[in-house]
Amino acid sequence: AQEGAVFDRAYCNTPLCAPSRASMMTGQMPSDVGCYDN
């Protein structure tokens, strides 16, 4: 962090494991991917 870029207000797009990761990997919201839950 000291040598890089720190994003102080970074959020997940859903606070749950599987839909958060599917959303992260696709750049889409969970509801757009159809990944609602675990």
Full PDB file with SEQRES, HELIX, SHEET, SSBOND, CRYST1, ORIGX, SCALE, CONECT and MASTER records, all heavy atoms in Angstrom:
SEQRES   1 A   38  ALA GLN GLU GLY ALA VAL PHE ASP ARG ALA TYR CYS ASN          
SEQRES   2 A   38  THR PRO LEU CYS ALA PRO SER ARG ALA SER MET MET THR          
SEQRES   3 A   38  GLY GLN MET PRO SER ASP VAL GLY CYS TYR ASP ASN              
HELIX    1 AA1 CYS A   17  THR A   26  1                                  10    
HELIX    2 AA2 PRO A   30  VAL A   33  1                                   4    
CRYST1    1.000    1.000    1.000  90.00  90.00  90.00 P 1           1          
ORIGX1      1.000000  0.000000  0.000000        0.00000                         
ORIGX2      0.000000  1.000000  0.000000        0.00000                         
ORIGX3      0.000000  0.000000  1.000000        0.00000                         
SCALE1      1.000000  0.000000  0.000000        0.00000                         
SCALE2      0.000000  1.000000  0.000000        0.00000                         
SCALE3      0.000000  0.000000  1.000000        0.00000                         
ATOM      1  N   ALA A   1       0.828  -1.212   0.000  1.00  0.00           N  
ATOM      2  CA  ALA A   1       0.000   0.000   0.000  1.00  0.00           C  
ATOM      3  C   ALA A   1       0.859   1.257   0.000  1.00  0.00           C  
ATOM      4  O   ALA A   1       0.546   2.245  -0.676  1.00  0.00           O  
ATOM      5  CB  ALA A   1      -0.931  -0.014   1.213  1.00  0.00           C  
ATOM      6  N   GLN A   2       1.940   1.233   0.750  1.00  0.00           N  
ATOM      7  CA  GLN A   2       2.817   2.390   0.857  1.00  0.00           C  
ATOM      8  C   GLN A   2       3.424   2.760  -0.498  1.00  0.00           C  
ATOM      9  O   GLN A   2       3.642   3.935  -0.803  1.00  0.00           O  
ATOM     10  CB  GLN A   2       3.935   2.110   1.871  1.00  0.00           C  
ATOM     11  CG  GLN A   2       4.833   3.291   2.170  1.00  0.00           C  
ATOM     12  CD  GLN A   2       4.111   4.398   2.925  1.00  0.00           C  
ATOM     13  OE1 GLN A   2       3.200   4.127   3.712  1.00  0.00           O  
ATOM     14  NE2 GLN A   2       4.504   5.647   2.700  1.00  0.00           N  
ATOM     15  N   GLU A   3       3.636   1.761  -1.341  1.00  0.00           N  
ATOM     16  CA  GLU A   3       4.307   1.978  -2.621  1.00  0.00           C  
ATOM     17  C   GLU A   3       3.352   1.935  -3.812  1.00  0.00           C  
ATOM     18  O   GLU A   3       3.795   2.110  -4.953  1.00  0.00           O  
ATOM     19  CB  GLU A   3       5.403   0.917  -2.808  1.00  0.00           C  
ATOM     20  CG  GLU A   3       6.436   0.895  -1.698  1.00  0.00           C  
ATOM     21  CD  GLU A   3       7.349  -0.317  -1.790  1.00  0.00           C  
ATOM     22  OE1 GLU A   3       7.797  -0.622  -2.910  1.00  0.00           O  
ATOM     23  OE2 GLU A   3       7.580  -0.965  -0.752  1.00  0.00           O  
ATOM     24  N   GLY A   4       2.070   1.702  -3.567  1.00  0.00           N  
ATOM     25  CA  GLY A   4       1.133   1.530  -4.667  1.00  0.00           C  
ATOM     26  C   GLY A   4      -0.053   2.464  -4.588  1.00  0.00           C  
ATOM     27  O   GLY A   4       0.027   3.555  -4.017  1.00  0.00           O  
ATOM     28  N   ALA A   5      -1.157   2.033  -5.172  1.00  0.00           N  
ATOM     29  CA  ALA A   5      -2.404   2.789  -5.162  1.00  0.00           C  
ATOM     30  C   ALA A   5      -3.356   2.141  -4.166  1.00  0.00           C  
ATOM     31  O   ALA A   5      -3.596   0.928  -4.224  1.00  0.00           O  
ATOM     32  CB  ALA A   5      -3.034   2.810  -6.550  1.00  0.00           C  
ATOM     33  N   VAL A   6      -3.887   2.940  -3.255  1.00  0.00           N  
ATOM     34  CA  VAL A   6      -4.825   2.454  -2.243  1.00  0.00           C  
ATOM     35  C   VAL A   6      -6.169   3.125  -2.484  1.00  0.00           C  
ATOM     36  O   VAL A   6      -6.259   4.356  -2.525  1.00  0.00           O  
ATOM     37  CB  VAL A   6      -4.334   2.764  -0.813  1.00  0.00           C  
ATOM     38  CG1 VAL A   6      -5.323   2.231   0.214  1.00  0.00           C  
ATOM     39  CG2 VAL A   6      -2.949   2.193  -0.588  1.00  0.00           C  
ATOM     40  N   PHE A   7      -7.197   2.316  -2.633  1.00  0.00           N  
ATOM     41  CA  PHE A   7      -8.541   2.843  -2.843  1.00  0.00           C  
ATOM     42  C   PHE A   7      -9.274   2.770  -1.502  1.00  0.00           C  
ATOM     43  O   PHE A   7      -9.617   1.688  -1.018  1.00  0.00           O  
ATOM     44  CB  PHE A   7      -9.239   2.059  -3.953  1.00  0.00           C  
ATOM     45  CG  PHE A   7      -8.543   2.252  -5.285  1.00  0.00           C  
ATOM     46  CD1 PHE A   7      -7.502   1.412  -5.663  1.00  0.00           C  
ATOM     47  CD2 PHE A   7      -8.882   3.308  -6.112  1.00  0.00           C  
ATOM     48  CE1 PHE A   7      -6.832   1.607  -6.863  1.00  0.00           C  
ATOM     49  CE2 PHE A   7      -8.218   3.512  -7.314  1.00  0.00           C  
ATOM     50  CZ  PHE A   7      -7.195   2.663  -7.688  1.00  0.00           C  
ATOM     51  N   ASP A   8      -9.449   3.941  -0.918  1.00  0.00           N  
ATOM     52  CA  ASP A   8      -9.974   4.010   0.447  1.00  0.00           C  
ATOM     53  C   ASP A   8     -11.458   3.689   0.545  1.00  0.00           C  
ATOM     54  O   ASP A   8     -11.935   3.324   1.618  1.00  0.00           O  
ATOM     55  CB  ASP A   8      -9.719   5.403   1.034  1.00  0.00           C  
ATOM     56  CG  ASP A   8      -8.273   5.599   1.459  1.00  0.00           C  
ATOM     57  OD1 ASP A   8      -7.716   4.662   2.055  1.00  0.00           O  
ATOM     58  OD2 ASP A   8      -7.702   6.669   1.182  1.00  0.00           O  
ATOM     59  N   ARG A   9     -12.185   3.852  -0.560  1.00  0.00           N  
ATOM     60  CA  ARG A   9     -13.621   3.570  -0.537  1.00  0.00           C  
ATOM     61  C   ARG A   9     -13.943   2.550  -1.620  1.00  0.00           C  
ATOM     62  O   ARG A   9     -14.576   2.846  -2.623  1.00  0.00           O  
ATOM     63  CB  ARG A   9     -14.425   4.853  -0.732  1.00  0.00           C  
ATOM     64  CG  ARG A   9     -14.222   5.877   0.382  1.00  0.00           C  
ATOM     65  CD  ARG A   9     -15.219   7.006   0.247  1.00  0.00           C  
ATOM     66  NE  ARG A   9     -16.589   6.535   0.426  1.00  0.00           N  
ATOM     67  CZ  ARG A   9     -17.667   7.232   0.056  1.00  0.00           C  
ATOM     68  NH1 ARG A   9     -17.528   8.396  -0.558  1.00  0.00           N  
ATOM     69  NH2 ARG A   9     -18.876   6.758   0.263  1.00  0.00           N  
ATOM     70  N   ALA A  10     -13.461   1.349  -1.408  1.00  0.00           N  
ATOM     71  CA  ALA A  10     -13.726   0.244  -2.323  1.00  0.00           C  
ATOM     72  C   ALA A  10     -14.784  -0.663  -1.701  1.00  0.00           C  
ATOM     73  O   ALA A  10     -14.735  -0.964  -0.507  1.00  0.00           O  
ATOM     74  CB  ALA A  10     -12.457  -0.544  -2.602  1.00  0.00           C  
ATOM     75  N   TYR A  11     -15.736  -1.092  -2.513  1.00  0.00           N  
ATOM     76  CA  TYR A  11     -16.850  -1.900  -2.042  1.00  0.00           C  
ATOM     77  C   TYR A  11     -16.978  -3.175  -2.876  1.00  0.00           C  
ATOM     78  O   TYR A  11     -16.635  -3.195  -4.065  1.00  0.00           O  
ATOM     79  CB  TYR A  11     -18.167  -1.115  -2.142  1.00  0.00           C  
ATOM     80  CG  TYR A  11     -18.244   0.073  -1.220  1.00  0.00           C  
ATOM     81  CD1 TYR A  11     -17.788   1.318  -1.633  1.00  0.00           C  
ATOM     82  CD2 TYR A  11     -18.765  -0.041   0.067  1.00  0.00           C  
ATOM     83  CE1 TYR A  11     -17.851   2.423  -0.783  1.00  0.00           C  
ATOM     84  CE2 TYR A  11     -18.826   1.049   0.911  1.00  0.00           C  
ATOM     85  CZ  TYR A  11     -18.369   2.286   0.487  1.00  0.00           C  
ATOM     86  OH  TYR A  11     -18.429   3.375   1.325  1.00  0.00           O  
ATOM     87  N   CYS A  12     -17.486  -4.229  -2.243  1.00  0.00           N  
ATOM     88  CA  CYS A  12     -17.953  -5.367  -3.015  1.00  0.00           C  
ATOM     89  C   CYS A  12     -19.304  -4.990  -3.617  1.00  0.00           C  
ATOM     90  O   CYS A  12     -19.947  -4.039  -3.167  1.00  0.00           O  
ATOM     91  CB  CYS A  12     -18.080  -6.611  -2.134  1.00  0.00           C  
ATOM     92  SG  CYS A  12     -19.270  -6.457  -0.772  1.00  0.00           S  
ATOM     93  N   ASN A  13     -19.747  -5.741  -4.609  1.00  0.00           N  
ATOM     94  CA  ASN A  13     -21.041  -5.446  -5.224  1.00  0.00           C  
ATOM     95  C   ASN A  13     -22.150  -6.324  -4.693  1.00  0.00           C  
ATOM     96  O   ASN A  13     -23.314  -6.156  -5.065  1.00  0.00           O  
ATOM     97  CB  ASN A  13     -20.936  -5.545  -6.741  1.00  0.00           C  
ATOM     98  CG  ASN A  13     -19.962  -4.511  -7.289  1.00  0.00           C  
ATOM     99  OD1 ASN A  13     -18.825  -4.841  -7.618  1.00  0.00           O  
ATOM    100  ND2 ASN A  13     -20.370  -3.261  -7.340  1.00  0.00           N  
ATOM    101  N   THR A  14     -21.776  -7.224  -3.817  1.00  0.00           N  
ATOM    102  CA  THR A  14     -22.723  -7.959  -2.989  1.00  0.00           C  
ATOM    103  C   THR A  14     -21.924  -8.597  -1.860  1.00  0.00           C  
ATOM    104  O   THR A  14     -20.854  -9.158  -2.112  1.00  0.00           O  
ATOM    105  CB  THR A  14     -23.508  -9.024  -3.780  1.00  0.00           C  
ATOM    106  OG1 THR A  14     -24.498  -9.617  -2.928  1.00  0.00           O  
ATOM    107  CG2 THR A  14     -22.613 -10.100  -4.328  1.00  0.00           C  
ATOM    108  N   PRO A  15     -22.368  -8.481  -0.613  1.00  0.00           N  
ATOM    109  CA  PRO A  15     -21.567  -8.995   0.501  1.00  0.00           C  
ATOM    110  C   PRO A  15     -21.781 -10.487   0.753  1.00  0.00           C  
ATOM    111  O   PRO A  15     -22.206 -10.911   1.822  1.00  0.00           O  
ATOM    112  CB  PRO A  15     -22.038  -8.135   1.683  1.00  0.00           C  
ATOM    113  CG  PRO A  15     -23.453  -7.795   1.336  1.00  0.00           C  
ATOM    114  CD  PRO A  15     -23.516  -7.685  -0.155  1.00  0.00           C  
ATOM    115  N   LEU A  16     -21.460 -11.297  -0.261  1.00  0.00           N  
ATOM    116  CA  LEU A  16     -21.570 -12.738  -0.157  1.00  0.00           C  
ATOM    117  C   LEU A  16     -20.616 -13.354  -1.180  1.00  0.00           C  
ATOM    118  O   LEU A  16     -20.460 -12.825  -2.290  1.00  0.00           O  
ATOM    119  CB  LEU A  16     -23.001 -13.203  -0.403  1.00  0.00           C  
ATOM    120  CG  LEU A  16     -23.317 -14.640   0.018  1.00  0.00           C  
ATOM    121  CD1 LEU A  16     -23.244 -14.816   1.536  1.00  0.00           C  
ATOM    122  CD2 LEU A  16     -24.693 -15.065  -0.496  1.00  0.00           C  
ATOM    123  N   CYS A  17     -20.037 -14.507  -0.828  1.00  0.00           N  
ATOM    124  CA  CYS A  17     -18.875 -15.043  -1.553  1.00  0.00           C  
ATOM    125  C   CYS A  17     -19.102 -15.263  -3.046  1.00  0.00           C  
ATOM    126  O   CYS A  17     -18.487 -14.612  -3.890  1.00  0.00           O  
ATOM    127  CB  CYS A  17     -18.444 -16.359  -0.917  1.00  0.00           C  
ATOM    128  SG  CYS A  17     -18.006 -16.219   0.829  1.00  0.00           S  
ATOM    129  N   ALA A  18     -19.938 -16.237  -3.425  1.00  0.00           N  
ATOM    130  CA  ALA A  18     -20.037 -16.656  -4.821  1.00  0.00           C  
ATOM    131  C   ALA A  18     -20.519 -15.540  -5.738  1.00  0.00           C  
ATOM    132  O   ALA A  18     -19.907 -15.289  -6.781  1.00  0.00           O  
ATOM    133  CB  ALA A  18     -20.935 -17.890  -4.940  1.00  0.00           C  
ATOM    134  N   PRO A  19     -21.605 -14.836  -5.410  1.00  0.00           N  
ATOM    135  CA  PRO A  19     -22.034 -13.764  -6.320  1.00  0.00           C  
ATOM    136  C   PRO A  19     -21.049 -12.611  -6.386  1.00  0.00           C  
ATOM    137  O   PRO A  19     -20.905 -11.976  -7.439  1.00  0.00           O  
ATOM    138  CB  PRO A  19     -23.392 -13.336  -5.752  1.00  0.00           C  
ATOM    139  CG  PRO A  19     -23.402 -13.804  -4.345  1.00  0.00           C  
ATOM    140  CD  PRO A  19     -22.574 -15.043  -4.310  1.00  0.00           C  
ATOM    141  N   SER A  20     -20.345 -12.319  -5.302  1.00  0.00           N  
ATOM    142  CA  SER A  20     -19.344 -11.254  -5.322  1.00  0.00           C  
ATOM    143  C   SER A  20     -18.222 -11.598  -6.286  1.00  0.00           C  
ATOM    144  O   SER A  20     -17.764 -10.756  -7.065  1.00  0.00           O  
ATOM    145  CB  SER A  20     -18.778 -11.028  -3.913  1.00  0.00           C  
ATOM    146  OG  SER A  20     -17.775 -10.032  -3.931  1.00  0.00           O  
ATOM    147  N   ARG A  21     -17.768 -12.845  -6.269  1.00  0.00           N  
ATOM    148  CA  ARG A  21     -16.656 -13.253  -7.118  1.00  0.00           C  
ATOM    149  C   ARG A  21     -17.072 -13.341  -8.586  1.00  0.00           C  
ATOM    150  O   ARG A  21     -16.304 -12.959  -9.479  1.00  0.00           O  
ATOM    151  CB  ARG A  21     -16.108 -14.589  -6.614  1.00  0.00           C  
ATOM    152  CG  ARG A  21     -15.444 -14.471  -5.249  1.00  0.00           C  
ATOM    153  CD  ARG A  21     -15.350 -15.813  -4.533  1.00  0.00           C  
ATOM    154  NE  ARG A  21     -14.778 -15.648  -3.206  1.00  0.00           N  
ATOM    155  CZ  ARG A  21     -13.480 -15.727  -2.930  1.00  0.00           C  
ATOM    156  NH1 ARG A  21     -12.605 -15.950  -3.890  1.00  0.00           N  
ATOM    157  NH2 ARG A  21     -13.040 -15.571  -1.697  1.00  0.00           N  
ATOM    158  N   ALA A  22     -18.282 -13.842  -8.851  1.00  0.00           N  
ATOM    159  CA  ALA A  22     -18.769 -13.886 -10.233  1.00  0.00           C  
ATOM    160  C   ALA A  22     -18.899 -12.483 -10.795  1.00  0.00           C  
ATOM    161  O   ALA A  22     -18.558 -12.215 -11.951  1.00  0.00           O  
ATOM    162  CB  ALA A  22     -20.112 -14.618 -10.288  1.00  0.00           C  
ATOM    163  N   SER A  23     -19.374 -11.563  -9.965  1.00  0.00           N  
ATOM    164  CA  SER A  23     -19.504 -10.171 -10.373  1.00  0.00           C  
ATOM    165  C   SER A  23     -18.133  -9.560 -10.648  1.00  0.00           C  
ATOM    166  O   SER A  23     -17.913  -8.899 -11.666  1.00  0.00           O  
ATOM    167  CB  SER A  23     -20.231  -9.390  -9.277  1.00  0.00           C  
ATOM    168  OG  SER A  23     -20.309  -8.019  -9.567  1.00  0.00           O  
ATOM    169  N   MET A  24     -17.199  -9.800  -9.768  1.00  0.00           N  
ATOM    170  CA  MET A  24     -15.841  -9.279  -9.922  1.00  0.00           C  
ATOM    171  C   MET A  24     -15.196  -9.794 -11.208  1.00  0.00           C  
ATOM    172  O   MET A  24     -14.558  -9.035 -11.941  1.00  0.00           O  
ATOM    173  CB  MET A  24     -14.995  -9.688  -8.717  1.00  0.00           C  
ATOM    174  CG  MET A  24     -13.531  -9.291  -8.801  1.00  0.00           C  
ATOM    175  SD  MET A  24     -12.511 -10.072  -7.518  1.00  0.00           S  
ATOM    176  CE  MET A  24     -12.394 -11.755  -8.151  1.00  0.00           C  
ATOM    177  N   MET A  25     -15.375 -11.070 -11.495  1.00  0.00           N  
ATOM    178  CA  MET A  25     -14.699 -11.663 -12.645  1.00  0.00           C  
ATOM    179  C   MET A  25     -15.311 -11.248 -13.979  1.00  0.00           C  
ATOM    180  O   MET A  25     -14.656 -11.291 -15.011  1.00  0.00           O  
ATOM    181  CB  MET A  25     -14.696 -13.186 -12.523  1.00  0.00           C  
ATOM    182  CG  MET A  25     -13.718 -13.681 -11.471  1.00  0.00           C  
ATOM    183  SD  MET A  25     -13.204 -15.380 -11.785  1.00  0.00           S  
ATOM    184  CE  MET A  25     -12.396 -15.229 -13.358  1.00  0.00           C  
ATOM    185  N   THR A  26     -16.577 -10.830 -13.967  1.00  0.00           N  
ATOM    186  CA  THR A  26     -17.250 -10.454 -15.212  1.00  0.00           C  
ATOM    187  C   THR A  26     -17.376  -8.952 -15.402  1.00  0.00           C  
ATOM    188  O   THR A  26     -17.699  -8.497 -16.499  1.00  0.00           O  
ATOM    189  CB  THR A  26     -18.661 -11.055 -15.260  1.00  0.00           C  
ATOM    190  OG1 THR A  26     -19.417 -10.572 -14.143  1.00  0.00           O  
ATOM    191  CG2 THR A  26     -18.613 -12.579 -15.226  1.00  0.00           C  
ATOM    192  N   GLY A  27     -17.161  -8.171 -14.332  1.00  0.00           N  
ATOM    193  CA  GLY A  27     -17.371  -6.732 -14.426  1.00  0.00           C  
ATOM    194  C   GLY A  27     -18.838  -6.367 -14.527  1.00  0.00           C  
ATOM    195  O   GLY A  27     -19.177  -5.254 -14.946  1.00  0.00           O  
ATOM    196  N   GLN A  28     -19.724  -7.270 -14.116  1.00  0.00           N  
ATOM    197  CA  GLN A  28     -21.170  -7.048 -14.180  1.00  0.00           C  
ATOM    198  C   GLN A  28     -21.776  -7.191 -12.785  1.00  0.00           C  
ATOM    199  O   GLN A  28     -21.226  -7.872 -11.919  1.00  0.00           O  
ATOM    200  CB  GLN A  28     -21.834  -8.071 -15.116  1.00  0.00           C  
ATOM    201  CG  GLN A  28     -21.236  -8.141 -16.509  1.00  0.00           C  
ATOM    202  CD  GLN A  28     -21.655  -6.974 -17.385  1.00  0.00           C  
ATOM    203  OE1 GLN A  28     -22.358  -6.075 -16.942  1.00  0.00           O  
ATOM    204  NE2 GLN A  28     -21.216  -6.976 -18.633  1.00  0.00           N  
ATOM    205  N   MET A  29     -22.940  -6.581 -12.593  1.00  0.00           N  
ATOM    206  CA  MET A  29     -23.633  -6.739 -11.319  1.00  0.00           C  
ATOM    207  C   MET A  29     -24.146  -8.170 -11.173  1.00  0.00           C  
ATOM    208  O   MET A  29     -24.458  -8.836 -12.167  1.00  0.00           O  
ATOM    209  CB  MET A  29     -24.785  -5.746 -11.227  1.00  0.00           C  
ATOM    210  CG  MET A  29     -24.339  -4.286 -11.171  1.00  0.00           C  
ATOM    211  SD  MET A  29     -23.271  -3.921  -9.742  1.00  0.00           S  
ATOM    212  CE  MET A  29     -24.411  -4.212  -8.368  1.00  0.00           C  
ATOM    213  N   PRO A  30     -24.253  -8.664  -9.940  1.00  0.00           N  
ATOM    214  CA  PRO A  30     -24.700 -10.050  -9.735  1.00  0.00           C  
ATOM    215  C   PRO A  30     -26.026 -10.361 -10.412  1.00  0.00           C  
ATOM    216  O   PRO A  30     -26.184 -11.444 -10.998  1.00  0.00           O  
ATOM    217  CB  PRO A  30     -24.808 -10.152  -8.205  1.00  0.00           C  
ATOM    218  CG  PRO A  30     -23.835  -9.148  -7.697  1.00  0.00           C  
ATOM    219  CD  PRO A  30     -23.874  -8.011  -8.664  1.00  0.00           C  
ATOM    220  N   SER A  31     -26.986  -9.442 -10.368  1.00  0.00           N  
ATOM    221  CA  SER A  31     -28.291  -9.709 -10.983  1.00  0.00           C  
ATOM    222  C   SER A  31     -28.190  -9.798 -12.493  1.00  0.00           C  
ATOM    223  O   SER A  31     -28.995 -10.482 -13.137  1.00  0.00           O  
ATOM    224  CB  SER A  31     -29.301  -8.625 -10.585  1.00  0.00           C  
ATOM    225  OG  SER A  31     -28.881  -7.342 -11.044  1.00  0.00           O  
ATOM    226  N   ASP A  32     -27.203  -9.123 -13.089  1.00  0.00           N  
ATOM    227  CA  ASP A  32     -27.014  -9.211 -14.536  1.00  0.00           C  
ATOM    228  C   ASP A  32     -26.375 -10.534 -14.947  1.00  0.00           C  
ATOM    229  O   ASP A  32     -26.552 -10.991 -16.081  1.00  0.00           O  
ATOM    230  CB  ASP A  32     -26.146  -8.043 -15.030  1.00  0.00           C  
ATOM    231  CG  ASP A  32     -26.846  -6.701 -14.899  1.00  0.00           C  
ATOM    232  OD1 ASP A  32     -28.079  -6.663 -15.059  1.00  0.00           O  
ATOM    233  OD2 ASP A  32     -26.165  -5.704 -14.615  1.00  0.00           O  
ATOM    234  N   VAL A  33     -25.627 -11.127 -14.028  1.00  0.00           N  
ATOM    235  CA  VAL A  33     -25.001 -12.421 -14.297  1.00  0.00           C  
ATOM    236  C   VAL A  33     -25.952 -13.561 -13.935  1.00  0.00           C  
ATOM    237  O   VAL A  33     -25.800 -14.689 -14.400  1.00  0.00           O  
ATOM    238  CB  VAL A  33     -23.678 -12.557 -13.510  1.00  0.00           C  
ATOM    239  CG1 VAL A  33     -22.965 -13.861 -13.819  1.00  0.00           C  
ATOM    240  CG2 VAL A  33     -22.756 -11.384 -13.810  1.00  0.00           C  
ATOM    241  N   GLY A  34     -26.961 -13.270 -13.114  1.00  0.00           N  
ATOM    242  CA  GLY A  34     -27.861 -14.301 -12.613  1.00  0.00           C  
ATOM    243  C   GLY A  34     -27.312 -15.034 -11.418  1.00  0.00           C  
ATOM    244  O   GLY A  34     -27.838 -16.071 -11.012  1.00  0.00           O  
ATOM    245  N   CYS A  35     -26.248 -14.514 -10.813  1.00  0.00           N  
ATOM    246  CA  CYS A  35     -25.653 -15.110  -9.614  1.00  0.00           C  
ATOM    247  C   CYS A  35     -26.188 -14.365  -8.392  1.00  0.00           C  
ATOM    248  O   CYS A  35     -25.585 -13.392  -7.937  1.00  0.00           O  
ATOM    249  CB  CYS A  35     -24.129 -15.049  -9.678  1.00  0.00           C  
ATOM    250  SG  CYS A  35     -23.423 -16.145 -10.908  1.00  0.00           S  
ATOM    251  N   TYR A  36     -27.296 -14.822  -7.896  1.00  0.00           N  
ATOM    252  CA  TYR A  36     -27.967 -14.120  -6.812  1.00  0.00           C  
ATOM    253  C   TYR A  36     -27.411 -14.481  -5.439  1.00  0.00           C  
ATOM    254  O   TYR A  36     -27.500 -13.679  -4.500  1.00  0.00           O  
ATOM    255  CB  TYR A  36     -29.464 -14.449  -6.829  1.00  0.00           C  
ATOM    256  CG  TYR A  36     -30.157 -14.172  -8.136  1.00  0.00           C  
ATOM    257  CD1 TYR A  36     -30.870 -15.163  -8.790  1.00  0.00           C  
ATOM    258  CD2 TYR A  36     -30.118 -12.902  -8.711  1.00  0.00           C  
ATOM    259  CE1 TYR A  36     -31.531 -14.919  -9.991  1.00  0.00           C  
ATOM    260  CE2 TYR A  36     -30.776 -12.641  -9.912  1.00  0.00           C  
ATOM    261  CZ  TYR A  36     -31.472 -13.654 -10.545  1.00  0.00           C  
ATOM    262  OH  TYR A  36     -32.124 -13.407 -11.734  1.00  0.00           O  
ATOM    263  N   ASP A  37     -26.877 -15.696  -5.298  1.00  0.00           N  
ATOM    264  CA  ASP A  37     -26.531 -16.203  -3.973  1.00  0.00           C  
ATOM    265  C   ASP A  37     -25.496 -17.305  -4.117  1.00  0.00           C  
ATOM    266  O   ASP A  37     -24.988 -17.559  -5.207  1.00  0.00           O  
ATOM    267  CB  ASP A  37     -27.788 -16.712  -3.261  1.00  0.00           C  
ATOM    268  CG  ASP A  37     -28.596 -17.672  -4.146  1.00  0.00           C  
ATOM    269  OD1 ASP A  37     -28.050 -18.721  -4.531  1.00  0.00           O  
ATOM    270  OD2 ASP A  37     -29.760 -17.369  -4.463  1.00  0.00           O  
ATOM    271  N   ASN A  38     -25.200 -17.985  -3.018  1.00  0.00           N  
ATOM    272  CA  ASN A  38     -24.169 -19.026  -3.024  1.00  0.00           C  
ATOM    273  C   ASN A  38     -24.644 -20.350  -3.609  1.00  0.00           C  
ATOM    274  O   ASN A  38     -23.893 -21.324  -3.616  1.00  0.00           O  
ATOM    275  CB  ASN A  38     -23.652 -19.266  -1.605  1.00  0.00           C  
ATOM    276  CG  ASN A  38     -22.626 -18.228  -1.178  1.00  0.00           C  
ATOM    277  OD1 ASN A  38     -22.111 -17.477  -2.006  1.00  0.00           O  
ATOM    278  ND2 ASN A  38     -22.326 -18.180   0.114  1.00  0.00           N  
TER     279      ASN A  38                                                      
MASTER        0    0    0    2    0    0    0    6  278    1    0    3          
END                                                                             
